[in-house]
């Protein structure tokens, strides 16, 4: 059926296949602004989506002292662009699912409040496959929208690269939730 070539609907070009449930949960938990990992944890999580069949360039840590720490957002940077030689350069600016506008009283020196100052990290900005702010949630990885991460990869780099990135996220989400303390009781 050539699934890779049927990822978008011919009606309006929106993605038909998108992340759901566990994938969205894992993406959100990993990309929160208070999520930090040491080198061992970061490389282990990066290995979750790779299956030891691709080379991964580990980015420099976000925090150097007192301990070297990487962010969850950097995991998504590596997921979108695993090596420096990769030609995938994603550029997205989009509202997240739980967007909250920044209040002018918190920023009195700014006449027009920029959306990326959202106090709950509710505005996603990705520049050259590096997440500047925002979280990966239903609106950015889970929706069938053209402005989702996978929609942009598909539009700019084709269905093969989009399917590869989706496959990486599927592996990452399943393995991360399986080893994390996050559990859902039924």
N, C-alpha and C. Protein backbone atom coordinates (compact mmCIF):
# COMPACT_ATOMS: atom_id res chain seq x y z
N UNK A 1 0.82 -1.20 0.00
CA UNK A 1 0.00 0.00 0.00
C UNK A 1 0.86 1.26 0.00
N UNK A 2 2.15 1.11 0.17
CA UNK A 2 3.06 2.26 0.16
C UNK A 2 2.60 3.34 1.13
N UNK A 3 2.58 2.96 2.41
CA UNK A 3 2.10 3.84 3.47
C UNK A 3 2.84 5.16 3.48
N UNK A 4 4.14 5.13 3.22
CA UNK A 4 4.93 6.36 3.26
C UNK A 4 4.40 7.41 2.29
N UNK A 5 3.79 6.96 1.19
CA UNK A 5 3.30 7.91 0.20
C UNK A 5 1.84 8.25 0.41
N UNK A 6 1.25 7.76 1.49
CA UNK A 6 -0.14 8.07 1.81
C UNK A 6 -0.27 8.67 3.21
N UNK A 7 0.69 9.49 3.60
CA UNK A 7 0.68 10.11 4.92
C UNK A 7 -0.17 11.36 4.97
N UNK A 8 -0.52 11.92 3.81
CA UNK A 8 -1.35 13.12 3.77
C UNK A 8 -2.62 12.85 2.98
N UNK A 9 -3.65 13.59 3.32
CA UNK A 9 -4.91 13.47 2.59
C UNK A 9 -4.85 14.33 1.32
N UNK A 10 -5.34 13.79 0.21
CA UNK A 10 -5.31 14.59 -1.03
C UNK A 10 -6.29 15.78 -0.99
N UNK A 11 -7.23 15.75 -0.04
CA UNK A 11 -8.23 16.81 0.05
C UNK A 11 -7.58 18.15 0.36
N UNK A 12 -6.73 18.20 1.40
CA UNK A 12 -6.15 19.49 1.78
C UNK A 12 -4.67 19.40 2.17
N UNK A 13 -4.07 18.26 2.03
CA UNK A 13 -2.65 18.11 2.30
C UNK A 13 -2.27 17.97 3.76
N UNK A 14 -3.26 17.80 4.66
CA UNK A 14 -2.96 17.63 6.07
C UNK A 14 -2.56 16.18 6.34
N UNK A 15 -1.66 15.97 7.31
CA UNK A 15 -1.25 14.61 7.63
C UNK A 15 -2.42 13.76 8.13
N UNK A 16 -2.47 12.52 7.66
CA UNK A 16 -3.50 11.57 8.08
C UNK A 16 -3.01 10.81 9.31
N UNK A 17 -1.72 10.54 9.35
CA UNK A 17 -1.12 9.79 10.44
C UNK A 17 -0.43 10.76 11.38
N UNK A 18 -0.74 10.63 12.66
CA UNK A 18 -0.13 11.51 13.66
C UNK A 18 0.00 10.74 14.96
N UNK A 19 0.78 11.29 15.87
CA UNK A 19 0.98 10.65 17.17
C UNK A 19 -0.30 10.74 18.00
N UNK A 20 -0.55 9.70 18.80
CA UNK A 20 -1.73 9.68 19.68
C UNK A 20 -1.33 9.20 21.06
N UNK A 21 -2.16 9.41 22.02
CA UNK A 21 -2.11 8.94 23.39
C UNK A 21 -0.72 8.84 23.99
N UNK A 22 -0.16 7.64 24.05
CA UNK A 22 1.14 7.44 24.71
C UNK A 22 2.25 8.28 24.08
N UNK A 23 2.20 8.45 22.77
CA UNK A 23 3.23 9.23 22.09
C UNK A 23 3.16 10.68 22.52
N UNK A 24 1.94 11.21 22.63
CA UNK A 24 1.76 12.59 23.06
C UNK A 24 2.17 12.75 24.53
N UNK A 25 1.79 11.78 25.36
CA UNK A 25 2.15 11.84 26.78
C UNK A 25 3.66 11.85 26.96
N UNK A 26 4.35 10.92 26.32
CA UNK A 26 5.81 10.85 26.44
C UNK A 26 6.46 12.11 25.88
N UNK A 27 5.96 12.61 24.76
CA UNK A 27 6.52 13.83 24.17
C UNK A 27 6.39 15.01 25.11
N UNK A 28 5.21 15.14 25.72
CA UNK A 28 4.98 16.24 26.65
C UNK A 28 5.88 16.12 27.87
N UNK A 29 5.95 14.92 28.46
CA UNK A 29 6.76 14.72 29.66
C UNK A 29 8.24 15.00 29.40
N UNK A 30 8.72 14.58 28.24
CA UNK A 30 10.13 14.79 27.91
C UNK A 30 10.46 16.25 27.62
N UNK A 31 9.54 16.98 27.02
CA UNK A 31 9.87 18.33 26.55
C UNK A 31 9.49 19.44 27.52
N UNK A 32 9.05 19.12 28.71
CA UNK A 32 8.75 20.16 29.69
C UNK A 32 10.01 20.94 30.03
N UNK A 33 9.84 22.19 30.43
CA UNK A 33 11.02 23.03 30.69
C UNK A 33 11.75 22.69 31.98
N UNK A 34 11.16 21.87 32.83
CA UNK A 34 11.84 21.46 34.06
C UNK A 34 12.41 20.05 33.98
N UNK A 35 12.56 19.52 32.79
CA UNK A 35 13.05 18.15 32.60
C UNK A 35 14.54 18.17 32.23
N UNK A 36 15.38 17.64 33.11
CA UNK A 36 16.83 17.61 32.88
C UNK A 36 17.35 16.20 33.05
N UNK A 37 18.43 15.89 32.31
CA UNK A 37 19.04 14.56 32.35
C UNK A 37 20.55 14.69 32.43
N UNK A 38 21.18 13.76 33.14
CA UNK A 38 22.64 13.70 33.11
C UNK A 38 23.04 12.97 31.82
N UNK A 39 24.34 12.85 31.59
CA UNK A 39 24.81 12.27 30.34
C UNK A 39 24.34 10.83 30.15
N UNK A 40 24.38 10.04 31.21
CA UNK A 40 23.96 8.65 31.10
C UNK A 40 22.48 8.55 30.72
N UNK A 41 21.64 9.33 31.38
CA UNK A 41 20.22 9.31 31.09
C UNK A 41 19.93 9.82 29.68
N UNK A 42 20.59 10.91 29.30
CA UNK A 42 20.37 11.50 27.98
C UNK A 42 20.74 10.53 26.86
N UNK A 43 21.91 9.92 26.97
CA UNK A 43 22.33 8.99 25.91
C UNK A 43 21.45 7.74 25.90
N UNK A 44 21.00 7.29 27.06
CA UNK A 44 20.11 6.14 27.11
C UNK A 44 18.79 6.44 26.40
N UNK A 45 18.23 7.61 26.65
CA UNK A 45 16.98 7.99 26.01
C UNK A 45 17.17 8.14 24.50
N UNK A 46 18.31 8.70 24.09
CA UNK A 46 18.58 8.81 22.66
C UNK A 46 18.71 7.43 22.00
N UNK A 47 19.21 6.48 22.76
CA UNK A 47 19.31 5.11 22.23
C UNK A 47 17.94 4.46 22.07
N UNK A 48 16.95 4.93 22.79
CA UNK A 48 15.61 4.35 22.68
C UNK A 48 15.06 4.46 21.27
N UNK A 49 15.35 5.56 20.59
CA UNK A 49 14.78 5.71 19.25
C UNK A 49 15.72 5.28 18.13
N UNK A 50 16.90 4.83 18.45
CA UNK A 50 17.89 4.57 17.41
C UNK A 50 18.08 3.10 17.06
N UNK A 51 17.87 2.19 17.99
CA UNK A 51 18.09 0.75 17.76
C UNK A 51 19.52 0.43 17.33
N UNK A 52 20.47 1.26 17.69
CA UNK A 52 21.90 1.05 17.42
C UNK A 52 22.22 0.94 15.94
N UNK A 53 21.34 1.43 15.09
CA UNK A 53 21.62 1.35 13.66
C UNK A 53 21.92 2.70 13.02
N UNK A 54 21.95 3.78 13.82
CA UNK A 54 22.34 5.08 13.28
C UNK A 54 23.35 5.74 14.21
N UNK A 55 24.14 6.59 13.63
CA UNK A 55 25.11 7.37 14.40
C UNK A 55 24.37 8.58 14.96
N UNK A 56 24.61 8.89 16.22
CA UNK A 56 23.98 10.05 16.86
C UNK A 56 25.07 10.96 17.39
N UNK A 57 24.97 12.24 17.06
CA UNK A 57 25.87 13.25 17.62
C UNK A 57 25.20 13.83 18.86
N UNK A 58 25.85 13.67 20.00
CA UNK A 58 25.32 14.19 21.25
C UNK A 58 25.63 15.68 21.32
N UNK A 59 24.60 16.52 21.52
CA UNK A 59 24.85 17.97 21.61
C UNK A 59 25.53 18.33 22.92
N UNK A 60 26.10 19.51 22.99
CA UNK A 60 26.69 19.95 24.27
C UNK A 60 25.58 20.14 25.31
N UNK A 61 25.92 19.98 26.58
CA UNK A 61 24.88 20.14 27.61
C UNK A 61 24.39 21.59 27.71
N UNK A 62 23.17 21.72 28.16
CA UNK A 62 22.59 23.05 28.35
C UNK A 62 23.15 23.70 29.60
N UNK A 63 23.32 22.92 30.65
CA UNK A 63 23.87 23.41 31.91
C UNK A 63 25.23 22.74 32.11
N UNK A 64 26.26 23.54 32.35
CA UNK A 64 27.61 23.00 32.49
C UNK A 64 28.01 22.78 33.95
N UNK A 65 27.66 23.73 34.82
CA UNK A 65 28.07 23.63 36.22
C UNK A 65 26.89 23.85 37.13
N UNK A 66 26.84 23.23 38.23
CA UNK A 66 27.79 22.36 38.90
C UNK A 66 27.82 20.95 38.31
N UNK A 67 26.77 20.58 37.56
CA UNK A 67 26.71 19.27 36.93
C UNK A 67 26.28 19.48 35.49
N UNK A 68 26.84 18.68 34.58
CA UNK A 68 26.44 18.76 33.18
C UNK A 68 25.04 18.16 33.02
N UNK A 69 24.13 18.96 32.48
CA UNK A 69 22.75 18.50 32.29
C UNK A 69 22.24 18.84 30.90
N UNK A 70 21.47 17.92 30.34
CA UNK A 70 20.82 18.09 29.05
C UNK A 70 19.32 18.22 29.30
N UNK A 71 18.62 18.90 28.41
CA UNK A 71 17.18 19.07 28.55
C UNK A 71 16.43 18.04 27.72
N UNK A 72 15.15 17.88 28.05
CA UNK A 72 14.30 17.00 27.26
C UNK A 72 14.08 17.56 25.86
N UNK A 73 14.12 18.88 25.73
CA UNK A 73 13.97 19.49 24.40
C UNK A 73 15.12 19.07 23.49
N UNK A 74 16.30 18.88 24.06
CA UNK A 74 17.45 18.45 23.26
C UNK A 74 17.26 17.03 22.72
N UNK A 75 16.48 16.22 23.41
CA UNK A 75 16.18 14.88 22.90
C UNK A 75 15.42 15.01 21.58
N UNK A 76 14.47 15.93 21.52
CA UNK A 76 13.73 16.14 20.28
C UNK A 76 14.59 16.78 19.20
N UNK A 77 15.56 17.60 19.60
CA UNK A 77 16.50 18.13 18.62
C UNK A 77 17.25 16.99 17.95
N UNK A 78 17.70 16.04 18.75
CA UNK A 78 18.42 14.87 18.22
C UNK A 78 17.48 13.98 17.43
N UNK A 79 16.23 13.85 17.87
CA UNK A 79 15.26 13.03 17.15
C UNK A 79 15.02 13.58 15.75
N UNK A 80 14.91 14.90 15.62
CA UNK A 80 14.68 15.50 14.30
C UNK A 80 15.94 15.49 13.44
N UNK A 81 17.08 15.68 14.08
CA UNK A 81 18.35 15.79 13.35
C UNK A 81 19.43 15.05 14.13
N UNK A 82 19.55 13.71 13.92
CA UNK A 82 20.46 12.90 14.74
C UNK A 82 21.95 13.20 14.56
N UNK A 83 22.33 13.68 13.39
CA UNK A 83 23.75 14.00 13.18
C UNK A 83 23.88 15.42 12.64
N UNK A 84 25.05 15.97 12.79
CA UNK A 84 25.30 17.31 12.26
C UNK A 84 25.28 17.32 10.74
N UNK A 85 25.52 16.16 10.13
CA UNK A 85 25.53 16.06 8.67
C UNK A 85 24.13 15.91 8.08
N UNK A 86 23.13 15.71 8.91
CA UNK A 86 21.76 15.54 8.44
C UNK A 86 21.28 16.81 7.76
N UNK A 87 20.54 16.64 6.71
CA UNK A 87 20.04 17.80 5.97
C UNK A 87 18.68 18.29 6.48
N UNK A 88 18.14 17.64 7.49
CA UNK A 88 16.83 18.00 8.04
C UNK A 88 16.97 19.23 8.94
N UNK A 89 16.42 20.34 8.50
CA UNK A 89 16.41 21.57 9.28
C UNK A 89 14.96 22.04 9.38
N UNK A 90 14.32 21.68 10.48
CA UNK A 90 12.91 21.99 10.69
C UNK A 90 12.79 23.39 11.27
N UNK A 91 11.88 24.17 10.71
CA UNK A 91 11.58 25.51 11.20
C UNK A 91 10.07 25.62 11.37
N UNK A 92 9.64 25.76 12.63
CA UNK A 92 8.21 25.80 12.95
C UNK A 92 7.97 26.86 14.02
N UNK A 93 6.87 27.55 13.89
CA UNK A 93 6.39 28.42 14.96
C UNK A 93 4.90 28.17 15.05
N UNK A 94 4.46 27.67 16.22
CA UNK A 94 3.08 27.23 16.35
C UNK A 94 2.60 27.33 17.79
N UNK A 95 1.30 27.50 17.93
CA UNK A 95 0.68 27.52 19.25
C UNK A 95 0.55 26.09 19.75
N UNK A 96 0.91 25.88 21.01
CA UNK A 96 0.75 24.56 21.63
C UNK A 96 -0.69 24.39 22.09
N UNK A 97 -1.01 23.20 22.54
CA UNK A 97 -2.38 22.87 22.93
C UNK A 97 -2.87 23.73 24.10
N UNK A 98 -2.03 23.96 25.08
CA UNK A 98 -2.39 24.75 26.27
C UNK A 98 -1.65 26.09 26.25
N UNK A 99 -1.94 26.90 25.26
CA UNK A 99 -1.27 28.18 25.15
C UNK A 99 -1.90 29.20 26.08
N UNK A 100 -1.06 29.96 26.75
CA UNK A 100 -1.51 31.00 27.68
C UNK A 100 -0.75 32.27 27.34
N UNK A 101 -1.48 33.32 27.08
CA UNK A 101 -0.84 34.57 26.69
C UNK A 101 -0.13 35.21 27.88
N UNK A 102 1.04 35.76 27.61
CA UNK A 102 1.80 36.45 28.65
C UNK A 102 1.09 37.76 29.00
N UNK A 103 1.06 38.08 30.26
CA UNK A 103 0.39 39.28 30.74
C UNK A 103 1.31 40.49 30.64
N UNK A 104 0.81 41.63 30.16
CA UNK A 104 1.65 42.84 30.09
C UNK A 104 2.12 43.31 31.46
N UNK A 105 1.38 42.96 32.52
CA UNK A 105 1.82 43.40 33.84
C UNK A 105 3.10 42.67 34.28
N UNK A 106 3.36 41.49 33.73
CA UNK A 106 4.60 40.77 34.03
C UNK A 106 5.77 41.29 33.21
N UNK A 107 5.47 41.94 32.08
CA UNK A 107 6.51 42.46 31.19
C UNK A 107 6.18 43.92 30.85
N UNK A 108 6.27 44.85 31.80
CA UNK A 108 5.85 46.24 31.55
C UNK A 108 6.72 46.98 30.54
N UNK A 109 7.92 46.54 30.29
CA UNK A 109 8.82 47.23 29.38
C UNK A 109 8.57 46.85 27.92
N UNK A 110 7.69 45.90 27.68
CA UNK A 110 7.40 45.47 26.31
C UNK A 110 6.02 45.98 25.93
N UNK A 111 5.95 46.70 24.80
CA UNK A 111 4.66 47.26 24.39
C UNK A 111 3.76 46.18 23.78
N UNK A 112 4.32 45.31 22.96
CA UNK A 112 3.54 44.22 22.36
C UNK A 112 4.13 42.90 22.86
N UNK A 113 3.31 42.11 23.54
CA UNK A 113 3.78 40.85 24.12
C UNK A 113 3.95 39.81 23.01
N UNK A 114 5.13 39.24 22.95
CA UNK A 114 5.42 38.20 21.98
C UNK A 114 4.84 36.87 22.46
N UNK A 115 4.31 36.05 21.56
CA UNK A 115 3.70 34.79 21.99
C UNK A 115 4.70 33.81 22.62
N UNK A 116 5.97 33.90 22.25
CA UNK A 116 6.94 32.96 22.80
C UNK A 116 7.30 33.27 24.25
N UNK A 117 6.74 34.34 24.83
CA UNK A 117 6.92 34.63 26.25
C UNK A 117 5.83 33.97 27.10
N UNK A 118 5.10 33.06 26.52
CA UNK A 118 4.02 32.37 27.22
C UNK A 118 4.56 31.75 28.51
N UNK A 119 3.95 32.05 29.66
CA UNK A 119 4.48 31.56 30.93
C UNK A 119 4.43 30.04 31.10
N UNK A 120 3.56 29.37 30.37
CA UNK A 120 3.48 27.91 30.51
C UNK A 120 4.18 27.18 29.37
N UNK A 121 5.09 27.87 28.67
CA UNK A 121 5.83 27.26 27.56
C UNK A 121 4.86 26.79 26.48
N UNK A 122 3.85 27.60 26.20
CA UNK A 122 2.77 27.21 25.31
C UNK A 122 2.92 27.63 23.87
N UNK A 123 4.06 28.14 23.48
CA UNK A 123 4.28 28.53 22.08
C UNK A 123 5.55 27.84 21.61
N UNK A 124 5.43 26.99 20.60
CA UNK A 124 6.58 26.23 20.10
C UNK A 124 7.32 27.01 19.03
N UNK A 125 8.62 27.14 19.22
CA UNK A 125 9.49 27.74 18.21
C UNK A 125 10.63 26.77 17.97
N UNK A 126 10.74 26.28 16.73
CA UNK A 126 11.83 25.39 16.34
C UNK A 126 12.59 26.09 15.22
N UNK A 127 13.89 26.28 15.41
CA UNK A 127 14.74 26.92 14.41
C UNK A 127 15.87 25.97 14.07
N UNK A 128 15.95 25.60 12.81
CA UNK A 128 16.98 24.66 12.34
C UNK A 128 17.05 23.40 13.21
N UNK A 129 15.89 22.83 13.47
CA UNK A 129 15.74 21.58 14.24
C UNK A 129 16.18 21.70 15.69
N UNK A 130 16.17 22.91 16.24
CA UNK A 130 16.46 23.11 17.65
C UNK A 130 15.27 23.82 18.29
N UNK A 131 14.75 23.22 19.34
CA UNK A 131 13.60 23.78 20.02
C UNK A 131 14.08 24.94 20.89
N UNK A 132 13.55 26.13 20.61
CA UNK A 132 13.90 27.32 21.38
C UNK A 132 12.98 27.46 22.59
N UNK A 133 11.70 27.21 22.40
CA UNK A 133 10.73 27.26 23.49
C UNK A 133 9.51 26.44 23.08
N UNK A 134 8.70 26.09 24.06
CA UNK A 134 7.50 25.33 23.80
C UNK A 134 7.65 23.87 24.16
N UNK A 135 6.53 23.17 24.12
CA UNK A 135 6.52 21.75 24.44
C UNK A 135 5.97 20.98 23.25
N UNK A 136 6.33 19.73 23.22
CA UNK A 136 5.78 18.82 22.21
C UNK A 136 4.50 18.25 22.81
N UNK A 137 3.37 18.61 22.24
CA UNK A 137 2.10 18.15 22.78
C UNK A 137 1.16 17.80 21.63
N UNK A 138 -0.12 17.70 21.94
CA UNK A 138 -1.12 17.29 20.96
C UNK A 138 -1.12 18.19 19.73
N UNK A 139 -0.94 19.47 19.92
CA UNK A 139 -0.98 20.41 18.80
C UNK A 139 0.27 20.37 17.94
N UNK A 140 1.39 19.94 18.49
CA UNK A 140 2.65 20.00 17.74
C UNK A 140 3.14 18.66 17.21
N UNK A 141 2.78 17.56 17.85
CA UNK A 141 3.14 16.23 17.31
C UNK A 141 1.93 15.36 17.08
N UNK A 142 0.80 15.70 17.70
CA UNK A 142 -0.34 14.80 17.64
C UNK A 142 -1.42 15.19 16.67
N UNK A 143 -1.45 16.40 16.25
CA UNK A 143 -2.55 16.83 15.40
C UNK A 143 -2.27 16.49 13.95
N UNK A 144 -3.32 16.41 13.20
CA UNK A 144 -3.17 16.22 11.76
C UNK A 144 -3.11 17.56 11.06
N UNK A 145 -2.27 18.45 11.56
CA UNK A 145 -2.17 19.80 11.01
C UNK A 145 -0.89 19.95 10.21
N UNK A 146 -0.93 20.87 9.28
CA UNK A 146 0.25 21.14 8.46
C UNK A 146 1.38 21.75 9.27
N UNK A 147 1.06 22.42 10.39
CA UNK A 147 2.08 23.06 11.22
C UNK A 147 2.65 22.13 12.28
N UNK A 148 2.26 20.86 12.29
CA UNK A 148 2.86 19.92 13.23
C UNK A 148 4.28 19.61 12.76
N UNK A 149 5.07 19.10 13.66
CA UNK A 149 6.47 18.79 13.33
C UNK A 149 6.55 17.83 12.14
N UNK A 150 5.74 16.78 12.18
CA UNK A 150 5.80 15.79 11.10
C UNK A 150 5.23 16.34 9.79
N UNK A 151 4.25 17.22 9.90
CA UNK A 151 3.71 17.85 8.69
C UNK A 151 4.75 18.71 8.00
N UNK A 152 5.54 19.43 8.78
CA UNK A 152 6.59 20.28 8.22
C UNK A 152 7.71 19.42 7.61
N UNK A 153 8.10 18.35 8.31
CA UNK A 153 9.13 17.47 7.77
C UNK A 153 8.66 16.85 6.46
N UNK A 154 7.39 16.42 6.43
CA UNK A 154 6.86 15.81 5.21
C UNK A 154 6.82 16.82 4.06
N UNK A 155 6.39 18.02 4.34
CA UNK A 155 6.30 19.06 3.31
C UNK A 155 7.68 19.42 2.76
N UNK A 156 8.65 19.59 3.65
CA UNK A 156 9.96 20.07 3.23
C UNK A 156 10.93 18.98 2.78
N UNK A 157 10.80 17.77 3.35
CA UNK A 157 11.82 16.74 3.10
C UNK A 157 11.26 15.42 2.58
N UNK A 158 9.95 15.32 2.45
CA UNK A 158 9.36 14.14 1.83
C UNK A 158 8.85 13.11 2.83
N UNK A 159 8.10 12.16 2.31
CA UNK A 159 7.45 11.17 3.17
C UNK A 159 8.43 10.21 3.85
N UNK A 160 9.55 9.91 3.23
CA UNK A 160 10.50 8.98 3.84
C UNK A 160 11.07 9.56 5.14
N UNK A 161 11.48 10.82 5.11
CA UNK A 161 12.03 11.46 6.31
C UNK A 161 10.96 11.62 7.39
N UNK A 162 9.72 11.95 6.99
CA UNK A 162 8.63 12.08 7.97
C UNK A 162 8.33 10.74 8.62
N UNK A 163 8.28 9.68 7.84
CA UNK A 163 8.02 8.35 8.39
C UNK A 163 9.15 7.92 9.31
N UNK A 164 10.38 8.24 8.97
CA UNK A 164 11.53 7.92 9.82
C UNK A 164 11.43 8.64 11.16
N UNK A 165 11.08 9.93 11.13
CA UNK A 165 10.94 10.70 12.38
C UNK A 165 9.78 10.17 13.22
N UNK A 166 8.67 9.81 12.58
CA UNK A 166 7.53 9.24 13.31
C UNK A 166 7.92 7.91 13.95
N UNK A 167 8.68 7.11 13.23
CA UNK A 167 9.13 5.82 13.76
C UNK A 167 10.04 6.04 14.98
N UNK A 168 10.91 7.03 14.91
CA UNK A 168 11.77 7.34 16.05
C UNK A 168 10.94 7.74 17.26
N UNK A 169 9.94 8.58 17.05
CA UNK A 169 9.09 9.00 18.16
C UNK A 169 8.31 7.83 18.75
N UNK A 170 7.82 6.95 17.90
CA UNK A 170 7.07 5.78 18.39
C UNK A 170 7.95 4.90 19.27
N UNK A 171 9.17 4.64 18.84
CA UNK A 171 10.09 3.83 19.64
C UNK A 171 10.46 4.54 20.94
N UNK A 172 10.75 5.84 20.84
CA UNK A 172 11.11 6.62 22.02
C UNK A 172 9.98 6.62 23.04
N UNK A 173 8.76 6.89 22.61
CA UNK A 173 7.63 7.00 23.53
C UNK A 173 7.36 5.69 24.24
N UNK A 174 7.33 4.62 23.50
CA UNK A 174 7.04 3.31 24.12
C UNK A 174 8.12 2.93 25.13
N UNK A 175 9.35 3.12 24.77
CA UNK A 175 10.45 2.73 25.67
C UNK A 175 10.58 3.68 26.84
N UNK A 176 10.38 4.97 26.62
CA UNK A 176 10.49 5.93 27.73
C UNK A 176 9.40 5.69 28.76
N UNK A 177 8.16 5.56 28.32
CA UNK A 177 7.07 5.34 29.27
C UNK A 177 7.20 3.99 29.96
N UNK A 178 7.78 3.00 29.29
CA UNK A 178 7.97 1.70 29.90
C UNK A 178 9.00 1.70 31.01
N UNK A 179 9.94 2.64 30.94
CA UNK A 179 11.01 2.68 31.97
C UNK A 179 10.86 3.84 32.93
N UNK A 180 9.94 4.75 32.67
CA UNK A 180 9.78 5.91 33.56
C UNK A 180 8.83 5.58 34.70
N UNK A 181 8.89 6.38 35.75
CA UNK A 181 8.00 6.14 36.89
C UNK A 181 6.56 6.55 36.62
N UNK A 182 6.28 7.14 35.45
CA UNK A 182 4.94 7.57 35.10
C UNK A 182 4.07 6.35 34.78
N UNK A 183 3.04 6.14 35.54
CA UNK A 183 2.16 4.99 35.33
C UNK A 183 0.71 5.44 35.38
N UNK A 184 -0.13 4.77 34.62
CA UNK A 184 -1.56 5.01 34.64
C UNK A 184 -2.21 3.79 35.26
N UNK A 185 -2.97 4.02 36.31
CA UNK A 185 -3.67 2.94 36.97
C UNK A 185 -5.08 2.85 36.41
N UNK A 186 -5.51 1.65 36.13
CA UNK A 186 -6.87 1.50 35.59
C UNK A 186 -7.84 1.03 36.65
